[in-house]
Amino acid sequence: MDVERADFVSLPVRDLDGTARFYEETLGLRKSPASRAWPEFELGNVSLYLVEPARMGVESWQPHTAHIALRVPDVAAARAELEAKGVVFEGAHDTGVCQMAFFRDPEGNALMLHHRYAPPDE
């Protein structure tokens, strides 16, 4: 098998339109012009793809609990911008290599702002 790359990450949501507005308007992500039934947001190397499990016959689902890292040039500035828009953060962490700030989308999917400021140890 020759895997070329990861194309998208699916995020389960109940309110497709409302959550799409959060990603587009609050986070400022660019909606793919190829989006049709499911909103897709292009992030450069991978897309976030919003899906409604109920429309696929799946009645029981849980939001993602493993954080999806959104790379930003300045975590503190991005966090302040999102807090001004009402986003609530659950904490932050500095590893000595990168800074992270944790939050969730309206459906409870785990996200983080991320910025690597130093090369990893060899």
N, C-alpha and C. Protein backbone atom coordinates (compact mmCIF):
# COMPACT_ATOMS: atom_id res chain seq x y z
N MET A 1 0.85 -1.18 0.00
CA MET A 1 0.00 0.00 0.00
C MET A 1 0.89 1.23 0.00
N ASP A 2 0.53 2.21 -0.79
CA ASP A 2 1.29 3.45 -0.91
C ASP A 2 0.40 4.62 -0.50
N VAL A 3 0.42 4.98 0.80
CA VAL A 3 -0.40 6.09 1.28
C VAL A 3 0.32 7.39 0.95
N GLU A 4 -0.36 8.27 0.25
CA GLU A 4 0.24 9.54 -0.16
C GLU A 4 0.14 10.61 0.92
N ARG A 5 -0.99 10.65 1.65
CA ARG A 5 -1.20 11.65 2.70
C ARG A 5 -2.57 11.43 3.33
N ALA A 6 -2.85 12.11 4.41
CA ALA A 6 -4.21 12.14 4.96
C ALA A 6 -4.95 13.27 4.26
N ASP A 7 -6.12 12.98 3.71
CA ASP A 7 -6.88 13.99 2.98
C ASP A 7 -7.78 14.82 3.89
N PHE A 8 -8.49 14.16 4.84
CA PHE A 8 -9.40 14.91 5.70
C PHE A 8 -9.60 14.18 7.02
N VAL A 9 -10.09 14.95 8.00
CA VAL A 9 -10.51 14.43 9.29
C VAL A 9 -11.98 14.75 9.41
N SER A 10 -12.80 13.72 9.69
CA SER A 10 -14.24 13.93 9.85
C SER A 10 -14.55 14.32 11.28
N LEU A 11 -15.39 15.34 11.44
CA LEU A 11 -15.84 15.77 12.76
C LEU A 11 -17.34 15.56 12.85
N PRO A 12 -17.81 14.76 13.81
CA PRO A 12 -19.24 14.52 13.94
C PRO A 12 -19.94 15.71 14.58
N VAL A 13 -21.08 16.09 14.01
CA VAL A 13 -21.85 17.22 14.54
C VAL A 13 -23.34 16.91 14.44
N ARG A 14 -24.14 17.55 15.28
CA ARG A 14 -25.60 17.44 15.19
C ARG A 14 -26.17 18.62 14.42
N ASP A 15 -25.58 19.80 14.63
CA ASP A 15 -26.04 21.04 13.99
C ASP A 15 -25.03 21.42 12.91
N LEU A 16 -25.25 20.88 11.72
CA LEU A 16 -24.30 21.07 10.62
C LEU A 16 -24.13 22.55 10.26
N ASP A 17 -25.24 23.27 10.11
CA ASP A 17 -25.15 24.68 9.70
C ASP A 17 -24.51 25.55 10.78
N GLY A 18 -24.94 25.36 12.03
CA GLY A 18 -24.39 26.17 13.12
C GLY A 18 -22.91 25.91 13.35
N THR A 19 -22.52 24.65 13.29
CA THR A 19 -21.10 24.32 13.49
C THR A 19 -20.27 24.81 12.31
N ALA A 20 -20.81 24.73 11.11
CA ALA A 20 -20.10 25.25 9.94
C ALA A 20 -19.87 26.75 10.08
N ARG A 21 -20.87 27.47 10.60
CA ARG A 21 -20.69 28.92 10.83
C ARG A 21 -19.57 29.17 11.84
N PHE A 22 -19.48 28.35 12.90
CA PHE A 22 -18.40 28.49 13.89
C PHE A 22 -17.03 28.35 13.21
N TYR A 23 -16.86 27.33 12.40
CA TYR A 23 -15.57 27.12 11.73
C TYR A 23 -15.26 28.22 10.73
N GLU A 24 -16.28 28.68 10.02
CA GLU A 24 -16.06 29.70 9.00
C GLU A 24 -15.96 31.11 9.59
N GLU A 25 -16.91 31.48 10.45
CA GLU A 25 -16.97 32.85 10.94
C GLU A 25 -16.14 33.07 12.20
N THR A 26 -16.23 32.18 13.18
CA THR A 26 -15.50 32.38 14.43
C THR A 26 -14.03 32.04 14.26
N LEU A 27 -13.73 30.86 13.70
CA LEU A 27 -12.33 30.47 13.52
C LEU A 27 -11.70 31.08 12.27
N GLY A 28 -12.52 31.50 11.32
CA GLY A 28 -12.00 32.13 10.10
C GLY A 28 -11.42 31.14 9.11
N LEU A 29 -11.85 29.88 9.17
CA LEU A 29 -11.33 28.89 8.23
C LEU A 29 -12.02 29.04 6.88
N ARG A 30 -11.28 28.69 5.83
CA ARG A 30 -11.81 28.82 4.47
C ARG A 30 -12.58 27.56 4.10
N LYS A 31 -13.85 27.76 3.75
CA LYS A 31 -14.69 26.65 3.31
C LYS A 31 -14.28 26.27 1.89
N SER A 32 -14.13 24.99 1.66
CA SER A 32 -13.73 24.50 0.34
C SER A 32 -14.82 24.80 -0.68
N PRO A 33 -14.43 25.31 -1.85
CA PRO A 33 -15.42 25.54 -2.89
C PRO A 33 -16.02 24.22 -3.39
N ALA A 34 -15.36 23.11 -3.12
CA ALA A 34 -15.85 21.80 -3.54
C ALA A 34 -16.87 21.22 -2.56
N SER A 35 -17.11 21.90 -1.42
CA SER A 35 -18.07 21.41 -0.43
C SER A 35 -19.45 21.29 -1.05
N ARG A 36 -20.09 20.18 -0.77
CA ARG A 36 -21.45 19.99 -1.26
C ARG A 36 -22.36 19.69 -0.08
N ALA A 37 -22.69 18.45 0.15
CA ALA A 37 -23.60 18.09 1.25
C ALA A 37 -22.97 18.28 2.61
N TRP A 38 -21.66 18.14 2.70
CA TRP A 38 -20.94 18.24 3.97
C TRP A 38 -19.92 19.37 3.87
N PRO A 39 -19.94 20.33 4.79
CA PRO A 39 -18.96 21.42 4.76
C PRO A 39 -17.55 20.90 5.01
N GLU A 40 -16.63 21.36 4.21
CA GLU A 40 -15.22 20.97 4.34
C GLU A 40 -14.38 22.24 4.40
N PHE A 41 -13.46 22.27 5.35
CA PHE A 41 -12.61 23.44 5.55
C PHE A 41 -11.17 23.05 5.29
N GLU A 42 -10.54 23.74 4.34
CA GLU A 42 -9.17 23.42 3.93
C GLU A 42 -8.17 24.09 4.86
N LEU A 43 -7.22 23.30 5.35
CA LEU A 43 -6.20 23.80 6.26
C LEU A 43 -4.80 23.69 5.69
N GLY A 44 -4.68 23.56 4.39
CA GLY A 44 -3.36 23.46 3.77
C GLY A 44 -2.96 22.02 3.54
N ASN A 45 -2.67 21.28 4.61
CA ASN A 45 -2.21 19.91 4.46
C ASN A 45 -3.30 18.87 4.68
N VAL A 46 -4.42 19.27 5.25
CA VAL A 46 -5.53 18.36 5.52
C VAL A 46 -6.80 19.20 5.64
N SER A 47 -7.95 18.58 5.43
CA SER A 47 -9.22 19.29 5.55
C SER A 47 -9.99 18.77 6.76
N LEU A 48 -10.80 19.65 7.34
CA LEU A 48 -11.77 19.25 8.36
C LEU A 48 -13.11 19.11 7.65
N TYR A 49 -13.73 17.98 7.84
CA TYR A 49 -14.94 17.61 7.11
C TYR A 49 -16.05 17.39 8.13
N LEU A 50 -17.07 18.25 8.16
CA LEU A 50 -18.16 18.12 9.11
C LEU A 50 -19.19 17.13 8.59
N VAL A 51 -19.57 16.18 9.44
CA VAL A 51 -20.56 15.17 9.05
C VAL A 51 -21.62 15.05 10.13
N GLU A 52 -22.84 14.77 9.71
CA GLU A 52 -23.95 14.51 10.63
C GLU A 52 -24.17 13.00 10.68
N PRO A 53 -23.71 12.33 11.75
CA PRO A 53 -23.86 10.88 11.82
C PRO A 53 -25.30 10.41 11.63
N ALA A 54 -26.28 11.18 12.14
CA ALA A 54 -27.69 10.77 12.01
C ALA A 54 -28.10 10.64 10.54
N ARG A 55 -27.55 11.50 9.67
CA ARG A 55 -27.89 11.42 8.23
C ARG A 55 -27.28 10.19 7.57
N MET A 56 -26.35 9.53 8.28
CA MET A 56 -25.73 8.32 7.76
C MET A 56 -26.26 7.09 8.51
N GLY A 57 -27.33 7.28 9.32
CA GLY A 57 -27.92 6.17 10.03
C GLY A 57 -27.26 5.84 11.36
N VAL A 58 -26.35 6.69 11.83
CA VAL A 58 -25.67 6.46 13.10
C VAL A 58 -26.31 7.37 14.14
N GLU A 59 -27.02 6.79 15.09
CA GLU A 59 -27.74 7.60 16.08
C GLU A 59 -26.89 7.93 17.31
N SER A 60 -25.95 7.06 17.65
CA SER A 60 -25.14 7.26 18.85
C SER A 60 -23.71 7.59 18.44
N TRP A 61 -23.22 8.73 18.88
CA TRP A 61 -21.85 9.13 18.56
C TRP A 61 -21.31 10.01 19.67
N GLN A 62 -20.02 10.16 19.69
CA GLN A 62 -19.35 11.01 20.66
C GLN A 62 -18.45 11.98 19.92
N PRO A 63 -18.26 13.18 20.45
CA PRO A 63 -17.31 14.10 19.81
C PRO A 63 -15.88 13.58 19.94
N HIS A 64 -15.00 14.08 19.08
CA HIS A 64 -13.58 13.74 19.16
C HIS A 64 -13.01 14.27 20.47
N THR A 65 -12.25 13.45 21.17
CA THR A 65 -11.61 13.90 22.41
C THR A 65 -10.11 14.10 22.23
N ALA A 66 -9.54 13.58 21.14
CA ALA A 66 -8.13 13.84 20.83
C ALA A 66 -8.07 15.17 20.08
N HIS A 67 -7.29 16.10 20.59
CA HIS A 67 -7.26 17.46 20.03
C HIS A 67 -6.72 17.49 18.60
N ILE A 68 -7.38 18.25 17.76
CA ILE A 68 -6.88 18.56 16.43
C ILE A 68 -6.11 19.87 16.57
N ALA A 69 -4.83 19.84 16.23
CA ALA A 69 -3.96 21.01 16.39
C ALA A 69 -4.07 21.93 15.18
N LEU A 70 -4.45 23.18 15.43
CA LEU A 70 -4.53 24.20 14.39
C LEU A 70 -3.31 25.10 14.54
N ARG A 71 -2.41 25.02 13.59
CA ARG A 71 -1.16 25.79 13.66
C ARG A 71 -1.45 27.27 13.45
N VAL A 72 -0.94 28.10 14.36
CA VAL A 72 -1.07 29.55 14.27
C VAL A 72 0.31 30.17 14.52
N PRO A 73 0.56 31.38 14.02
CA PRO A 73 1.87 32.01 14.24
C PRO A 73 2.05 32.50 15.68
N ASP A 74 0.95 32.80 16.38
CA ASP A 74 1.04 33.35 17.74
C ASP A 74 -0.16 32.84 18.54
N VAL A 75 0.09 31.90 19.45
CA VAL A 75 -0.99 31.29 20.22
C VAL A 75 -1.72 32.32 21.08
N ALA A 76 -0.96 33.18 21.76
CA ALA A 76 -1.58 34.18 22.65
C ALA A 76 -2.49 35.13 21.87
N ALA A 77 -2.04 35.60 20.72
CA ALA A 77 -2.85 36.52 19.91
C ALA A 77 -4.09 35.82 19.36
N ALA A 78 -3.94 34.59 18.87
CA ALA A 78 -5.08 33.85 18.34
C ALA A 78 -6.08 33.54 19.46
N ARG A 79 -5.56 33.20 20.62
CA ARG A 79 -6.45 32.92 21.75
C ARG A 79 -7.24 34.16 22.14
N ALA A 80 -6.58 35.30 22.23
CA ALA A 80 -7.26 36.55 22.59
C ALA A 80 -8.34 36.88 21.56
N GLU A 81 -8.05 36.68 20.29
CA GLU A 81 -9.02 36.95 19.23
C GLU A 81 -10.25 36.05 19.39
N LEU A 82 -10.03 34.77 19.67
CA LEU A 82 -11.15 33.84 19.82
C LEU A 82 -11.92 34.08 21.11
N GLU A 83 -11.22 34.42 22.18
CA GLU A 83 -11.91 34.73 23.44
C GLU A 83 -12.83 35.94 23.27
N ALA A 84 -12.38 36.92 22.47
CA ALA A 84 -13.21 38.10 22.20
C ALA A 84 -14.49 37.72 21.44
N LYS A 85 -14.45 36.58 20.75
CA LYS A 85 -15.62 36.08 20.01
C LYS A 85 -16.43 35.10 20.84
N GLY A 86 -16.04 34.91 22.11
CA GLY A 86 -16.80 34.05 23.00
C GLY A 86 -16.30 32.63 23.15
N VAL A 87 -15.19 32.29 22.54
CA VAL A 87 -14.65 30.93 22.68
C VAL A 87 -14.04 30.79 24.07
N VAL A 88 -14.38 29.68 24.75
CA VAL A 88 -13.88 29.41 26.09
C VAL A 88 -12.74 28.41 26.00
N PHE A 89 -11.61 28.73 26.59
CA PHE A 89 -10.45 27.84 26.57
C PHE A 89 -10.41 27.01 27.85
N GLU A 90 -9.90 25.79 27.70
CA GLU A 90 -9.85 24.83 28.81
C GLU A 90 -8.46 24.71 29.41
N GLY A 91 -7.53 25.53 28.95
CA GLY A 91 -6.18 25.47 29.48
C GLY A 91 -5.16 25.68 28.39
N ALA A 92 -3.90 25.71 28.80
CA ALA A 92 -2.80 25.92 27.88
C ALA A 92 -1.60 25.15 28.40
N HIS A 93 -0.63 24.92 27.52
CA HIS A 93 0.56 24.18 27.92
C HIS A 93 1.72 24.62 27.03
N ASP A 94 2.88 24.75 27.64
CA ASP A 94 4.12 25.04 26.91
C ASP A 94 5.06 23.87 27.17
N THR A 95 5.44 23.15 26.11
CA THR A 95 6.26 21.94 26.26
C THR A 95 7.76 22.22 26.27
N GLY A 96 8.14 23.47 26.01
CA GLY A 96 9.55 23.77 25.81
C GLY A 96 9.92 23.72 24.33
N VAL A 97 9.02 23.23 23.51
CA VAL A 97 9.19 23.16 22.06
C VAL A 97 8.02 23.86 21.36
N CYS A 98 6.84 23.76 21.98
CA CYS A 98 5.65 24.35 21.37
C CYS A 98 4.70 24.86 22.44
N GLN A 99 3.83 25.77 22.01
CA GLN A 99 2.77 26.30 22.87
C GLN A 99 1.44 25.76 22.36
N MET A 100 0.53 25.48 23.30
CA MET A 100 -0.78 24.96 22.95
C MET A 100 -1.83 25.63 23.83
N ALA A 101 -3.02 25.83 23.27
CA ALA A 101 -4.17 26.33 24.03
C ALA A 101 -5.38 25.52 23.59
N PHE A 102 -6.11 24.94 24.54
CA PHE A 102 -7.14 23.95 24.28
C PHE A 102 -8.55 24.53 24.37
N PHE A 103 -9.41 24.15 23.42
CA PHE A 103 -10.81 24.57 23.41
C PHE A 103 -11.63 23.54 22.65
N ARG A 104 -12.93 23.74 22.57
CA ARG A 104 -13.82 22.81 21.87
C ARG A 104 -14.74 23.59 20.93
N ASP A 105 -15.16 22.90 19.87
CA ASP A 105 -16.15 23.51 18.99
C ASP A 105 -17.53 23.39 19.66
N PRO A 106 -18.58 23.97 19.09
CA PRO A 106 -19.90 23.93 19.73
C PRO A 106 -20.44 22.52 19.96
N GLU A 107 -19.92 21.53 19.25
CA GLU A 107 -20.37 20.15 19.39
C GLU A 107 -19.53 19.36 20.39
N GLY A 108 -18.47 19.98 20.93
CA GLY A 108 -17.62 19.31 21.90
C GLY A 108 -16.38 18.66 21.33
N ASN A 109 -16.13 18.81 20.02
CA ASN A 109 -14.92 18.27 19.42
C ASN A 109 -13.70 19.05 19.93
N ALA A 110 -12.67 18.31 20.34
CA ALA A 110 -11.48 18.92 20.95
C ALA A 110 -10.57 19.53 19.89
N LEU A 111 -10.19 20.80 20.10
CA LEU A 111 -9.30 21.53 19.21
C LEU A 111 -8.21 22.18 20.05
N MET A 112 -7.13 22.55 19.41
CA MET A 112 -6.10 23.33 20.09
C MET A 112 -5.45 24.29 19.11
N LEU A 113 -5.05 25.44 19.64
CA LEU A 113 -4.16 26.32 18.90
C LEU A 113 -2.76 25.80 19.17
N HIS A 114 -1.90 25.79 18.17
CA HIS A 114 -0.57 25.19 18.32
C HIS A 114 0.47 26.03 17.58
N HIS A 115 1.62 26.21 18.24
CA HIS A 115 2.74 26.88 17.58
C HIS A 115 4.04 26.25 18.06
N ARG A 116 4.80 25.67 17.13
CA ARG A 116 6.12 25.13 17.43
C ARG A 116 7.12 26.28 17.31
N TYR A 117 7.85 26.58 18.38
CA TYR A 117 8.80 27.68 18.36
C TYR A 117 10.25 27.21 18.43
N ALA A 118 10.49 25.93 18.61
CA ALA A 118 11.86 25.41 18.69
C ALA A 118 11.89 24.05 18.00
N PRO A 119 13.03 23.69 17.43
CA PRO A 119 13.10 22.35 16.82
C PRO A 119 13.06 21.28 17.93
N PRO A 120 12.47 20.13 17.61
CA PRO A 120 12.45 19.06 18.62
C PRO A 120 13.86 18.55 18.91
N ASP A 121 14.06 18.01 20.11
CA ASP A 121 15.36 17.43 20.45
C ASP A 121 15.64 16.25 19.54
N GLU A 122 16.89 16.09 19.19
CA GLU A 122 17.28 14.97 18.33
C GLU A 122 17.56 13.75 19.17
